[in-house]
């Protein structure tokens, strides 16, 4: 069983890192087993892949997500003022420019936290814009620019990203969200890992139903 506290979960492959033990920034929260794959600078994720994190907004990523090389999260600090004629960020350069405009910048509305659910797969070079919310089980295609919220279990692609297909029907999506397999104890996940990878939503829900019945409750044994 893989230890989620280990930085490099694959011995001899430093291109893969679990993000939870890597992250030090209080503005980034990542769940266990979410990994980033980068052949050049995997451990530079905070600096190279989470950009413009100057404000109070957070990046929150759930458990068991797969983040491909080049995926970037643009935070709210990237926003420029649009309330007037110019979008130039005079305020950031200090002096009288800052004195005369600081209230304009601090009064700008925020798009809020960027929140990624569980079991989300980001393809190579995906970009996520500030304040986006991505649902559980979604797939973000390579090169996609995500400018709007993504529903659970939906595949999106393009620039701006648009829905390509929903992975399951609404009833099956509801079953999966209720089962919330990513919240099961790791030993239970291990016991049912084959079904999680290759089973149906009904089978996943049936496993969860053998527990105490609520979201995140531990399923029983097979």
C-alpha atoms as a PDB file:
ATOM      1  CA  UNK A   1       0.000   0.000   0.000  1.00  0.00           C
ATOM      2  CA  UNK A   2       1.394   3.412  -0.974  1.00  0.00           C
ATOM      3  CA  UNK A   3       2.186   5.787   1.889  1.00  0.00           C
ATOM      4  CA  UNK A   4       0.515   9.175   1.156  1.00  0.00           C
ATOM      5  CA  UNK A   5       3.089  10.990   3.295  1.00  0.00           C
ATOM      6  CA  UNK A   6       5.970  10.001   0.996  1.00  0.00           C
ATOM      7  CA  UNK A   7       7.024  12.770  -1.380  1.00  0.00           C
ATOM      8  CA  UNK A   8       8.138  10.455  -4.205  1.00  0.00           C
ATOM      9  CA  UNK A   9       5.760   7.460  -4.185  1.00  0.00           C
ATOM     10  CA  UNK A  10       7.520   5.689  -7.081  1.00  0.00           C
ATOM     11  CA  UNK A  11      11.117   4.785  -6.157  1.00  0.00           C
ATOM     12  CA  UNK A  12      13.497   5.856  -8.884  1.00  0.00           C
ATOM     13  CA  UNK A  13      10.962   8.181 -10.512  1.00  0.00           C
ATOM     14  CA  UNK A  14      11.407  11.642  -9.022  1.00  0.00           C
ATOM     15  CA  UNK A  15       9.176  13.135 -11.708  1.00  0.00           C
ATOM     16  CA  UNK A  16       6.146  11.995  -9.692  1.00  0.00           C
ATOM     17  CA  UNK A  17       5.323  13.667  -6.373  1.00  0.00           C
ATOM     18  CA  UNK A  18       2.455  13.468  -3.956  1.00  0.00           C
ATOM     19  CA  UNK A  19       1.441  17.086  -3.483  1.00  0.00           C
ATOM     20  CA  UNK A  20       0.176  16.938   0.099  1.00  0.00           C
ATOM     21  CA  UNK A  21       3.638  16.370   1.662  1.00  0.00           C
ATOM     22  CA  UNK A  22       5.188  18.865  -0.789  1.00  0.00           C
ATOM     23  CA  UNK A  23       2.947  21.878  -0.178  1.00  0.00           C
ATOM     24  CA  UNK A  24       4.044  24.512   2.340  1.00  0.00           C
ATOM     25  CA  UNK A  25       1.883  27.474   1.319  1.00  0.00           C
ATOM     26  CA  UNK A  26      -1.131  28.154   3.576  1.00  0.00           C
ATOM     27  CA  UNK A  27      -3.076  29.205   0.476  1.00  0.00           C
ATOM     28  CA  UNK A  28      -2.882  25.716  -1.068  1.00  0.00           C
ATOM     29  CA  UNK A  29      -4.688  22.665   0.300  1.00  0.00           C
ATOM     30  CA  UNK A  30      -4.315  19.240  -1.330  1.00  0.00           C
ATOM     31  CA  UNK A  31      -5.803  15.906  -0.338  1.00  0.00           C
ATOM     32  CA  UNK A  32      -3.955  12.642   0.075  1.00  0.00           C
ATOM     33  CA  UNK A  33      -2.790  10.637  -2.951  1.00  0.00           C
ATOM     34  CA  UNK A  34      -3.145  13.540  -5.382  1.00  0.00           C
ATOM     35  CA  UNK A  35       0.005  13.545  -7.502  1.00  0.00           C
ATOM     36  CA  UNK A  36       1.823  15.770  -9.983  1.00  0.00           C
ATOM     37  CA  UNK A  37       3.942  14.365 -12.814  1.00  0.00           C
ATOM     38  CA  UNK A  38       6.683  16.560 -14.287  1.00  0.00           C
ATOM     39  CA  UNK A  39       9.974  15.279 -15.742  1.00  0.00           C
ATOM     40  CA  UNK A  40      11.765  18.580 -15.123  1.00  0.00           C
ATOM     41  CA  UNK A  41      10.636  20.233 -11.903  1.00  0.00           C
ATOM     42  CA  UNK A  42       7.990  18.267 -10.041  1.00  0.00           C
ATOM     43  CA  UNK A  43       8.970  19.687  -6.663  1.00  0.00           C
ATOM     44  CA  UNK A  44       8.568  23.265  -7.952  1.00  0.00           C
ATOM     45  CA  UNK A  45       4.788  22.886  -8.195  1.00  0.00           C
ATOM     46  CA  UNK A  46       4.020  25.760  -5.801  1.00  0.00           C
ATOM     47  CA  UNK A  47       6.244  28.187  -7.687  1.00  0.00           C
ATOM     48  CA  UNK A  48       5.700  27.109 -11.292  1.00  0.00           C
ATOM     49  CA  UNK A  49       2.145  25.815 -11.347  1.00  0.00           C
ATOM     50  CA  UNK A  50       0.215  27.985  -8.887  1.00  0.00           C
ATOM     51  CA  UNK A  51       0.567  31.497 -10.246  1.00  0.00           C
ATOM     52  CA  UNK A  52      -0.354  34.957  -8.912  1.00  0.00           C
ATOM     53  CA  UNK A  53      -1.370  33.662  -5.473  1.00  0.00           C
ATOM     54  CA  UNK A  54      -0.986  37.083  -3.862  1.00  0.00           C
ATOM     55  CA  UNK A  55      -4.369  37.434  -2.168  1.00  0.00           C
ATOM     56  CA  UNK A  56      -6.454  35.576   0.413  1.00  0.00           C
ATOM     57  CA  UNK A  57      -7.965  33.201  -2.136  1.00  0.00           C
ATOM     58  CA  UNK A  58      -7.066  29.525  -1.815  1.00  0.00           C
ATOM     59  CA  UNK A  59      -6.442  26.649  -4.170  1.00  0.00           C
ATOM     60  CA  UNK A  60      -8.155  23.548  -2.797  1.00  0.00           C
ATOM     61  CA  UNK A  61      -7.634  20.172  -4.496  1.00  0.00           C
ATOM     62  CA  UNK A  62      -9.249  16.944  -3.315  1.00  0.00           C
ATOM     63  CA  UNK A  63      -7.948  13.407  -2.984  1.00  0.00           C
ATOM     64  CA  UNK A  64      -6.808  10.999  -5.704  1.00  0.00           C
ATOM     65  CA  UNK A  65      -6.389  13.645  -8.409  1.00  0.00           C
ATOM     66  CA  UNK A  66      -3.909  13.200 -11.264  1.00  0.00           C
ATOM     67  CA  UNK A  67      -2.204  16.412 -12.404  1.00  0.00           C
ATOM     68  CA  UNK A  68      -0.184  16.179 -15.616  1.00  0.00           C
ATOM     69  CA  UNK A  69       2.924  18.167 -16.433  1.00  0.00           C
ATOM     70  CA  UNK A  70       2.329  21.808 -17.299  1.00  0.00           C
ATOM     71  CA  UNK A  71      -1.025  22.117 -15.564  1.00  0.00           C
ATOM     72  CA  UNK A  72      -1.324  25.617 -14.151  1.00  0.00           C
ATOM     73  CA  UNK A  73      -3.706  27.235 -11.741  1.00  0.00           C
ATOM     74  CA  UNK A  74      -4.045  30.996 -12.185  1.00  0.00           C
ATOM     75  CA  UNK A  75      -5.114  32.635  -8.947  1.00  0.00           C
ATOM     76  CA  UNK A  76      -7.053  35.844  -8.368  1.00  0.00           C
ATOM     77  CA  UNK A  77      -3.872  37.915  -8.100  1.00  0.00           C
ATOM     78  CA  UNK A  78      -3.706  37.743 -11.896  1.00  0.00           C
ATOM     79  CA  UNK A  79      -6.776  39.966 -12.209  1.00  0.00           C
ATOM     80  CA  UNK A  80      -6.335  43.477 -13.635  1.00  0.00           C
ATOM     81  CA  UNK A  81      -8.685  46.403 -12.988  1.00  0.00           C
ATOM     82  CA  UNK A  82     -11.432  46.785 -15.572  1.00  0.00           C
ATOM     83  CA  UNK A  83     -13.576  49.453 -13.952  1.00  0.00           C
ATOM     84  CA  UNK A  84     -12.195  52.203 -16.178  1.00  0.00           C
ATOM     85  CA  UNK A  85     -10.377  52.900 -19.410  1.00  0.00           C
ATOM     86  CA  UNK A  86      -7.034  51.229 -18.617  1.00  0.00           C
ATOM     87  CA  UNK A  87      -6.311  47.740 -17.346  1.00  0.00           C
ATOM     88  CA  UNK A  88      -2.693  48.657 -16.491  1.00  0.00           C
ATOM     89  CA  UNK A  89      -1.830  47.699 -12.851  1.00  0.00           C
ATOM     90  CA  UNK A  90      -0.452  51.109 -11.755  1.00  0.00           C
ATOM     91  CA  UNK A  91      -0.933  50.181  -8.086  1.00  0.00           C
ATOM     92  CA  UNK A  92       1.707  47.450  -8.024  1.00  0.00           C
ATOM     93  CA  UNK A  93       4.569  49.829  -8.853  1.00  0.00           C
ATOM     94  CA  UNK A  94       4.430  51.800  -5.616  1.00  0.00           C
ATOM     95  CA  UNK A  95       4.848  55.448  -4.784  1.00  0.00           C
ATOM     96  CA  UNK A  96       2.182  57.954  -5.694  1.00  0.00           C
ATOM     97  CA  UNK A  97       0.611  55.520  -8.148  1.00  0.00           C
ATOM     98  CA  UNK A  98      -0.126  53.189  -5.254  1.00  0.00           C
ATOM     99  CA  UNK A  99      -1.307  55.988  -2.969  1.00  0.00           C
ATOM    100  CA  UNK A 100      -3.770  57.234  -5.554  1.00  0.00           C
ATOM    101  CA  UNK A 101      -5.188  53.847  -6.639  1.00  0.00           C
ATOM    102  CA  UNK A 102      -4.881  51.325  -3.785  1.00  0.00           C
ATOM    103  CA  UNK A 103      -8.530  51.658  -2.833  1.00  0.00           C
ATOM    104  CA  UNK A 104      -9.546  50.759  -6.390  1.00  0.00           C
ATOM    105  CA  UNK A 105      -7.597  47.521  -6.284  1.00  0.00           C
ATOM    106  CA  UNK A 106      -8.650  46.508  -2.783  1.00  0.00           C
ATOM    107  CA  UNK A 107     -12.254  47.184  -3.746  1.00  0.00           C
ATOM    108  CA  UNK A 108     -12.181  44.878  -6.761  1.00  0.00           C
ATOM    109  CA  UNK A 109     -14.535  41.889  -6.462  1.00  0.00           C
ATOM    110  CA  UNK A 110     -12.815  38.523  -6.054  1.00  0.00           C
ATOM    111  CA  UNK A 111     -13.695  35.374  -7.919  1.00  0.00           C
ATOM    112  CA  UNK A 112     -12.999  33.456  -4.726  1.00  0.00           C
ATOM    113  CA  UNK A 113     -11.224  30.193  -4.079  1.00  0.00           C
ATOM    114  CA  UNK A 114     -10.383  27.727  -6.823  1.00  0.00           C
ATOM    115  CA  UNK A 115     -11.793  24.363  -5.752  1.00  0.00           C
ATOM    116  CA  UNK A 116     -11.092  20.993  -7.364  1.00  0.00           C
ATOM    117  CA  UNK A 117     -12.989  17.903  -6.279  1.00  0.00           C
ATOM    118  CA  UNK A 118     -11.730  14.358  -5.910  1.00  0.00           C
ATOM    119  CA  UNK A 119     -10.587  11.900  -8.595  1.00  0.00           C
ATOM    120  CA  UNK A 120     -10.084  14.665 -11.185  1.00  0.00           C
ATOM    121  CA  UNK A 121      -7.665  14.071 -14.069  1.00  0.00           C
ATOM    122  CA  UNK A 122      -5.845  17.060 -15.585  1.00  0.00           C
ATOM    123  CA  UNK A 123      -4.320  16.459 -19.006  1.00  0.00           C
ATOM    124  CA  UNK A 124      -1.002  17.892 -20.146  1.00  0.00           C
ATOM    125  CA  UNK A 125      -0.825  21.674 -20.148  1.00  0.00           C
ATOM    126  CA  UNK A 126      -4.294  22.372 -18.793  1.00  0.00           C
ATOM    127  CA  UNK A 127      -4.936  25.854 -17.391  1.00  0.00           C
ATOM    128  CA  UNK A 128      -7.477  26.656 -14.681  1.00  0.00           C
ATOM    129  CA  UNK A 129      -8.619  30.250 -14.289  1.00  0.00           C
ATOM    130  CA  UNK A 130      -9.316  31.951 -10.917  1.00  0.00           C
ATOM    131  CA  UNK A 131     -12.378  30.994  -8.918  1.00  0.00           C
ATOM    132  CA  UNK A 132     -13.283  27.927 -10.987  1.00  0.00           C
ATOM    133  CA  UNK A 133     -14.911  24.930  -9.307  1.00  0.00           C
ATOM    134  CA  UNK A 134     -14.322  21.479 -10.787  1.00  0.00           C
ATOM    135  CA  UNK A 135     -16.527  18.608  -9.679  1.00  0.00           C
ATOM    136  CA  UNK A 136     -15.579  15.109  -8.545  1.00  0.00           C
ATOM    137  CA  UNK A 137     -14.608  12.675 -11.288  1.00  0.00           C
ATOM    138  CA  UNK A 138     -14.144  15.318 -13.986  1.00  0.00           C
ATOM    139  CA  UNK A 139     -11.569  15.013 -16.777  1.00  0.00           C
ATOM    140  CA  UNK A 140      -9.797  18.122 -18.072  1.00  0.00           C
ATOM    141  CA  UNK A 141      -8.396  17.496 -21.560  1.00  0.00           C
ATOM    142  CA  UNK A 142      -4.824  18.339 -22.505  1.00  0.00           C
ATOM    143  CA  UNK A 143      -4.426  22.010 -23.282  1.00  0.00           C
ATOM    144  CA  UNK A 144      -7.864  22.957 -21.977  1.00  0.00           C
ATOM    145  CA  UNK A 145      -8.391  26.444 -20.557  1.00  0.00           C
ATOM    146  CA  UNK A 146     -11.020  26.121 -17.853  1.00  0.00           C
ATOM    147  CA  UNK A 147     -12.840  29.428 -17.440  1.00  0.00           C
ATOM    148  CA  UNK A 148     -16.106  28.177 -15.931  1.00  0.00           C
ATOM    149  CA  UNK A 149     -17.255  25.588 -13.402  1.00  0.00           C
ATOM    150  CA  UNK A 150     -17.110  21.931 -14.466  1.00  0.00           C
ATOM    151  CA  UNK A 151     -19.876  19.569 -13.289  1.00  0.00           C
ATOM    152  CA  UNK A 152     -18.957  16.237 -11.682  1.00  0.00           C
ATOM    153  CA  UNK A 153     -17.975  13.397 -14.015  1.00  0.00           C
ATOM    154  CA  UNK A 154     -17.814  15.667 -17.059  1.00  0.00           C
ATOM    155  CA  UNK A 155     -15.097  15.723 -19.718  1.00  0.00           C
ATOM    156  CA  UNK A 156     -14.167  19.212 -20.910  1.00  0.00           C
ATOM    157  CA  UNK A 157     -11.714  20.451 -23.515  1.00  0.00           C
ATOM    158  CA  UNK A 158     -10.769  23.400 -25.682  1.00  0.00           C
ATOM    159  CA  UNK A 159     -10.175  27.111 -25.146  1.00  0.00           C
ATOM    160  CA  UNK A 160     -12.353  28.104 -23.470  1.00  0.00           C
ATOM    161  CA  UNK A 161     -13.128  24.613 -22.201  1.00  0.00           C
ATOM    162  CA  UNK A 162     -16.540  23.266 -23.128  1.00  0.00           C
ATOM    163  CA  UNK A 163     -18.269  20.017 -22.107  1.00  0.00           C
ATOM    164  CA  UNK A 164     -17.402  17.159 -24.439  1.00  0.00           C
ATOM    165  CA  UNK A 165     -19.456  14.502 -22.727  1.00  0.00           C
ATOM    166  CA  UNK A 166     -20.756  13.422 -19.348  1.00  0.00           C
ATOM    167  CA  UNK A 167     -19.048  10.225 -18.268  1.00  0.00           C
ATOM    168  CA  UNK A 168     -22.212   8.749 -16.761  1.00  0.00           C
ATOM    169  CA  UNK A 169     -25.910   9.541 -16.727  1.00  0.00           C
ATOM    170  CA  UNK A 170     -27.342  11.728 -13.984  1.00  0.00           C
ATOM    171  CA  UNK A 171     -28.585   8.769 -11.932  1.00  0.00           C
ATOM    172  CA  UNK A 172     -25.186   7.081 -11.974  1.00  0.00           C
ATOM    173  CA  UNK A 173     -23.416  10.356 -11.126  1.00  0.00           C
ATOM    174  CA  UNK A 174     -25.692  10.683  -8.108  1.00  0.00           C
ATOM    175  CA  UNK A 175     -24.762   7.154  -7.010  1.00  0.00           C
ATOM    176  CA  UNK A 176     -21.052   7.908  -7.291  1.00  0.00           C
ATOM    177  CA  UNK A 177     -21.280  11.190  -5.397  1.00  0.00           C
ATOM    178  CA  UNK A 178     -23.218   9.486  -2.623  1.00  0.00           C
ATOM    179  CA  UNK A 179     -20.736   6.605  -2.445  1.00  0.00           C
ATOM    180  CA  UNK A 180     -17.749   9.035  -2.367  1.00  0.00           C
ATOM    181  CA  UNK A 181     -15.225   6.205  -2.622  1.00  0.00           C
ATOM    182  CA  UNK A 182     -12.320   8.644  -2.147  1.00  0.00           C
ATOM    183  CA  UNK A 183     -13.429   9.140   1.451  1.00  0.00           C
ATOM    184  CA  UNK A 184     -13.325   5.446   2.288  1.00  0.00           C
ATOM    185  CA  UNK A 185     -10.562   4.219   4.604  1.00  0.00           C
ATOM    186  CA  UNK A 186      -7.470   3.275   2.622  1.00  0.00           C
ATOM    187  CA  UNK A 187      -7.705  -0.395   3.577  1.00  0.00           C
ATOM    188  CA  UNK A 188     -11.246  -0.504   2.176  1.00  0.00           C
ATOM    189  CA  UNK A 189     -10.124   1.253  -1.004  1.00  0.00           C
ATOM    190  CA  UNK A 190      -7.340  -1.303  -1.319  1.00  0.00           C
ATOM    191  CA  UNK A 191      -9.772  -4.172  -0.882  1.00  0.00           C
ATOM    192  CA  UNK A 192     -12.014  -2.824  -3.637  1.00  0.00           C
ATOM    193  CA  UNK A 193      -9.426  -1.152  -5.880  1.00  0.00           C
ATOM    194  CA  UNK A 194     -10.229  -3.378  -8.863  1.00  0.00           C
ATOM    195  CA  UNK A 195     -13.897  -2.434  -8.701  1.00  0.00           C
ATOM    196  CA  UNK A 196     -13.015   1.247  -8.306  1.00  0.00           C
ATOM    197  CA  UNK A 197     -10.908   1.059 -11.469  1.00  0.00           C
ATOM    198  CA  UNK A 198     -13.120  -1.145 -13.640  1.00  0.00           C
ATOM    199  CA  UNK A 199     -16.512  -1.477 -11.965  1.00  0.00           C
ATOM    200  CA  UNK A 200     -19.811   0.296 -12.487  1.00  0.00           C
ATOM    201  CA  UNK A 201     -21.367   3.123 -10.457  1.00  0.00           C
ATOM    202  CA  UNK A 202     -23.927   0.647  -9.144  1.00  0.00           C
ATOM    203  CA  UNK A 203     -21.171  -1.661  -7.883  1.00  0.00           C
ATOM    204  CA  UNK A 204     -19.377   1.221  -6.164  1.00  0.00           C
ATOM    205  CA  UNK A 205     -22.613   2.349  -4.559  1.00  0.00           C
ATOM    206  CA  UNK A 206     -23.377  -1.191  -3.411  1.00  0.00           C
ATOM    207  CA  UNK A 207     -20.023  -1.377  -1.632  1.00  0.00           C
ATOM    208  CA  UNK A 208     -20.728   1.931   0.121  1.00  0.00           C
ATOM    209  CA  UNK A 209     -24.226   0.817   1.040  1.00  0.00           C
ATOM    210  CA  UNK A 210     -22.806  -2.072   3.048  1.00  0.00           C
ATOM    211  CA  UNK A 211     -21.386   0.531   5.434  1.00  0.00           C
ATOM    212  CA  UNK A 212     -23.478   2.778   7.675  1.00  0.00           C
ATOM    213  CA  UNK A 213     -25.057   4.566   4.753  1.00  0.00           C
ATOM    214  CA  UNK A 214     -23.820   8.165   4.855  1.00  0.00           C
ATOM    215  CA  UNK A 215     -21.415  10.071   2.622  1.00  0.00           C
ATOM    216  CA  UNK A 216     -17.881   9.232   3.661  1.00  0.00           C
ATOM    217  CA  UNK A 217     -18.885   6.359   5.951  1.00  0.00           C
ATOM    218  CA  UNK A 218     -16.653   3.319   5.897  1.00  0.00           C
ATOM    219  CA  UNK A 219     -18.057   0.530   3.682  1.00  0.00           C
ATOM    220  CA  UNK A 220     -18.146  -2.967   5.021  1.00  0.00           C
ATOM    221  CA  UNK A 221     -16.220  -5.917   3.727  1.00  0.00           C
ATOM    222  CA  UNK A 222     -17.023  -7.785   0.543  1.00  0.00           C
END
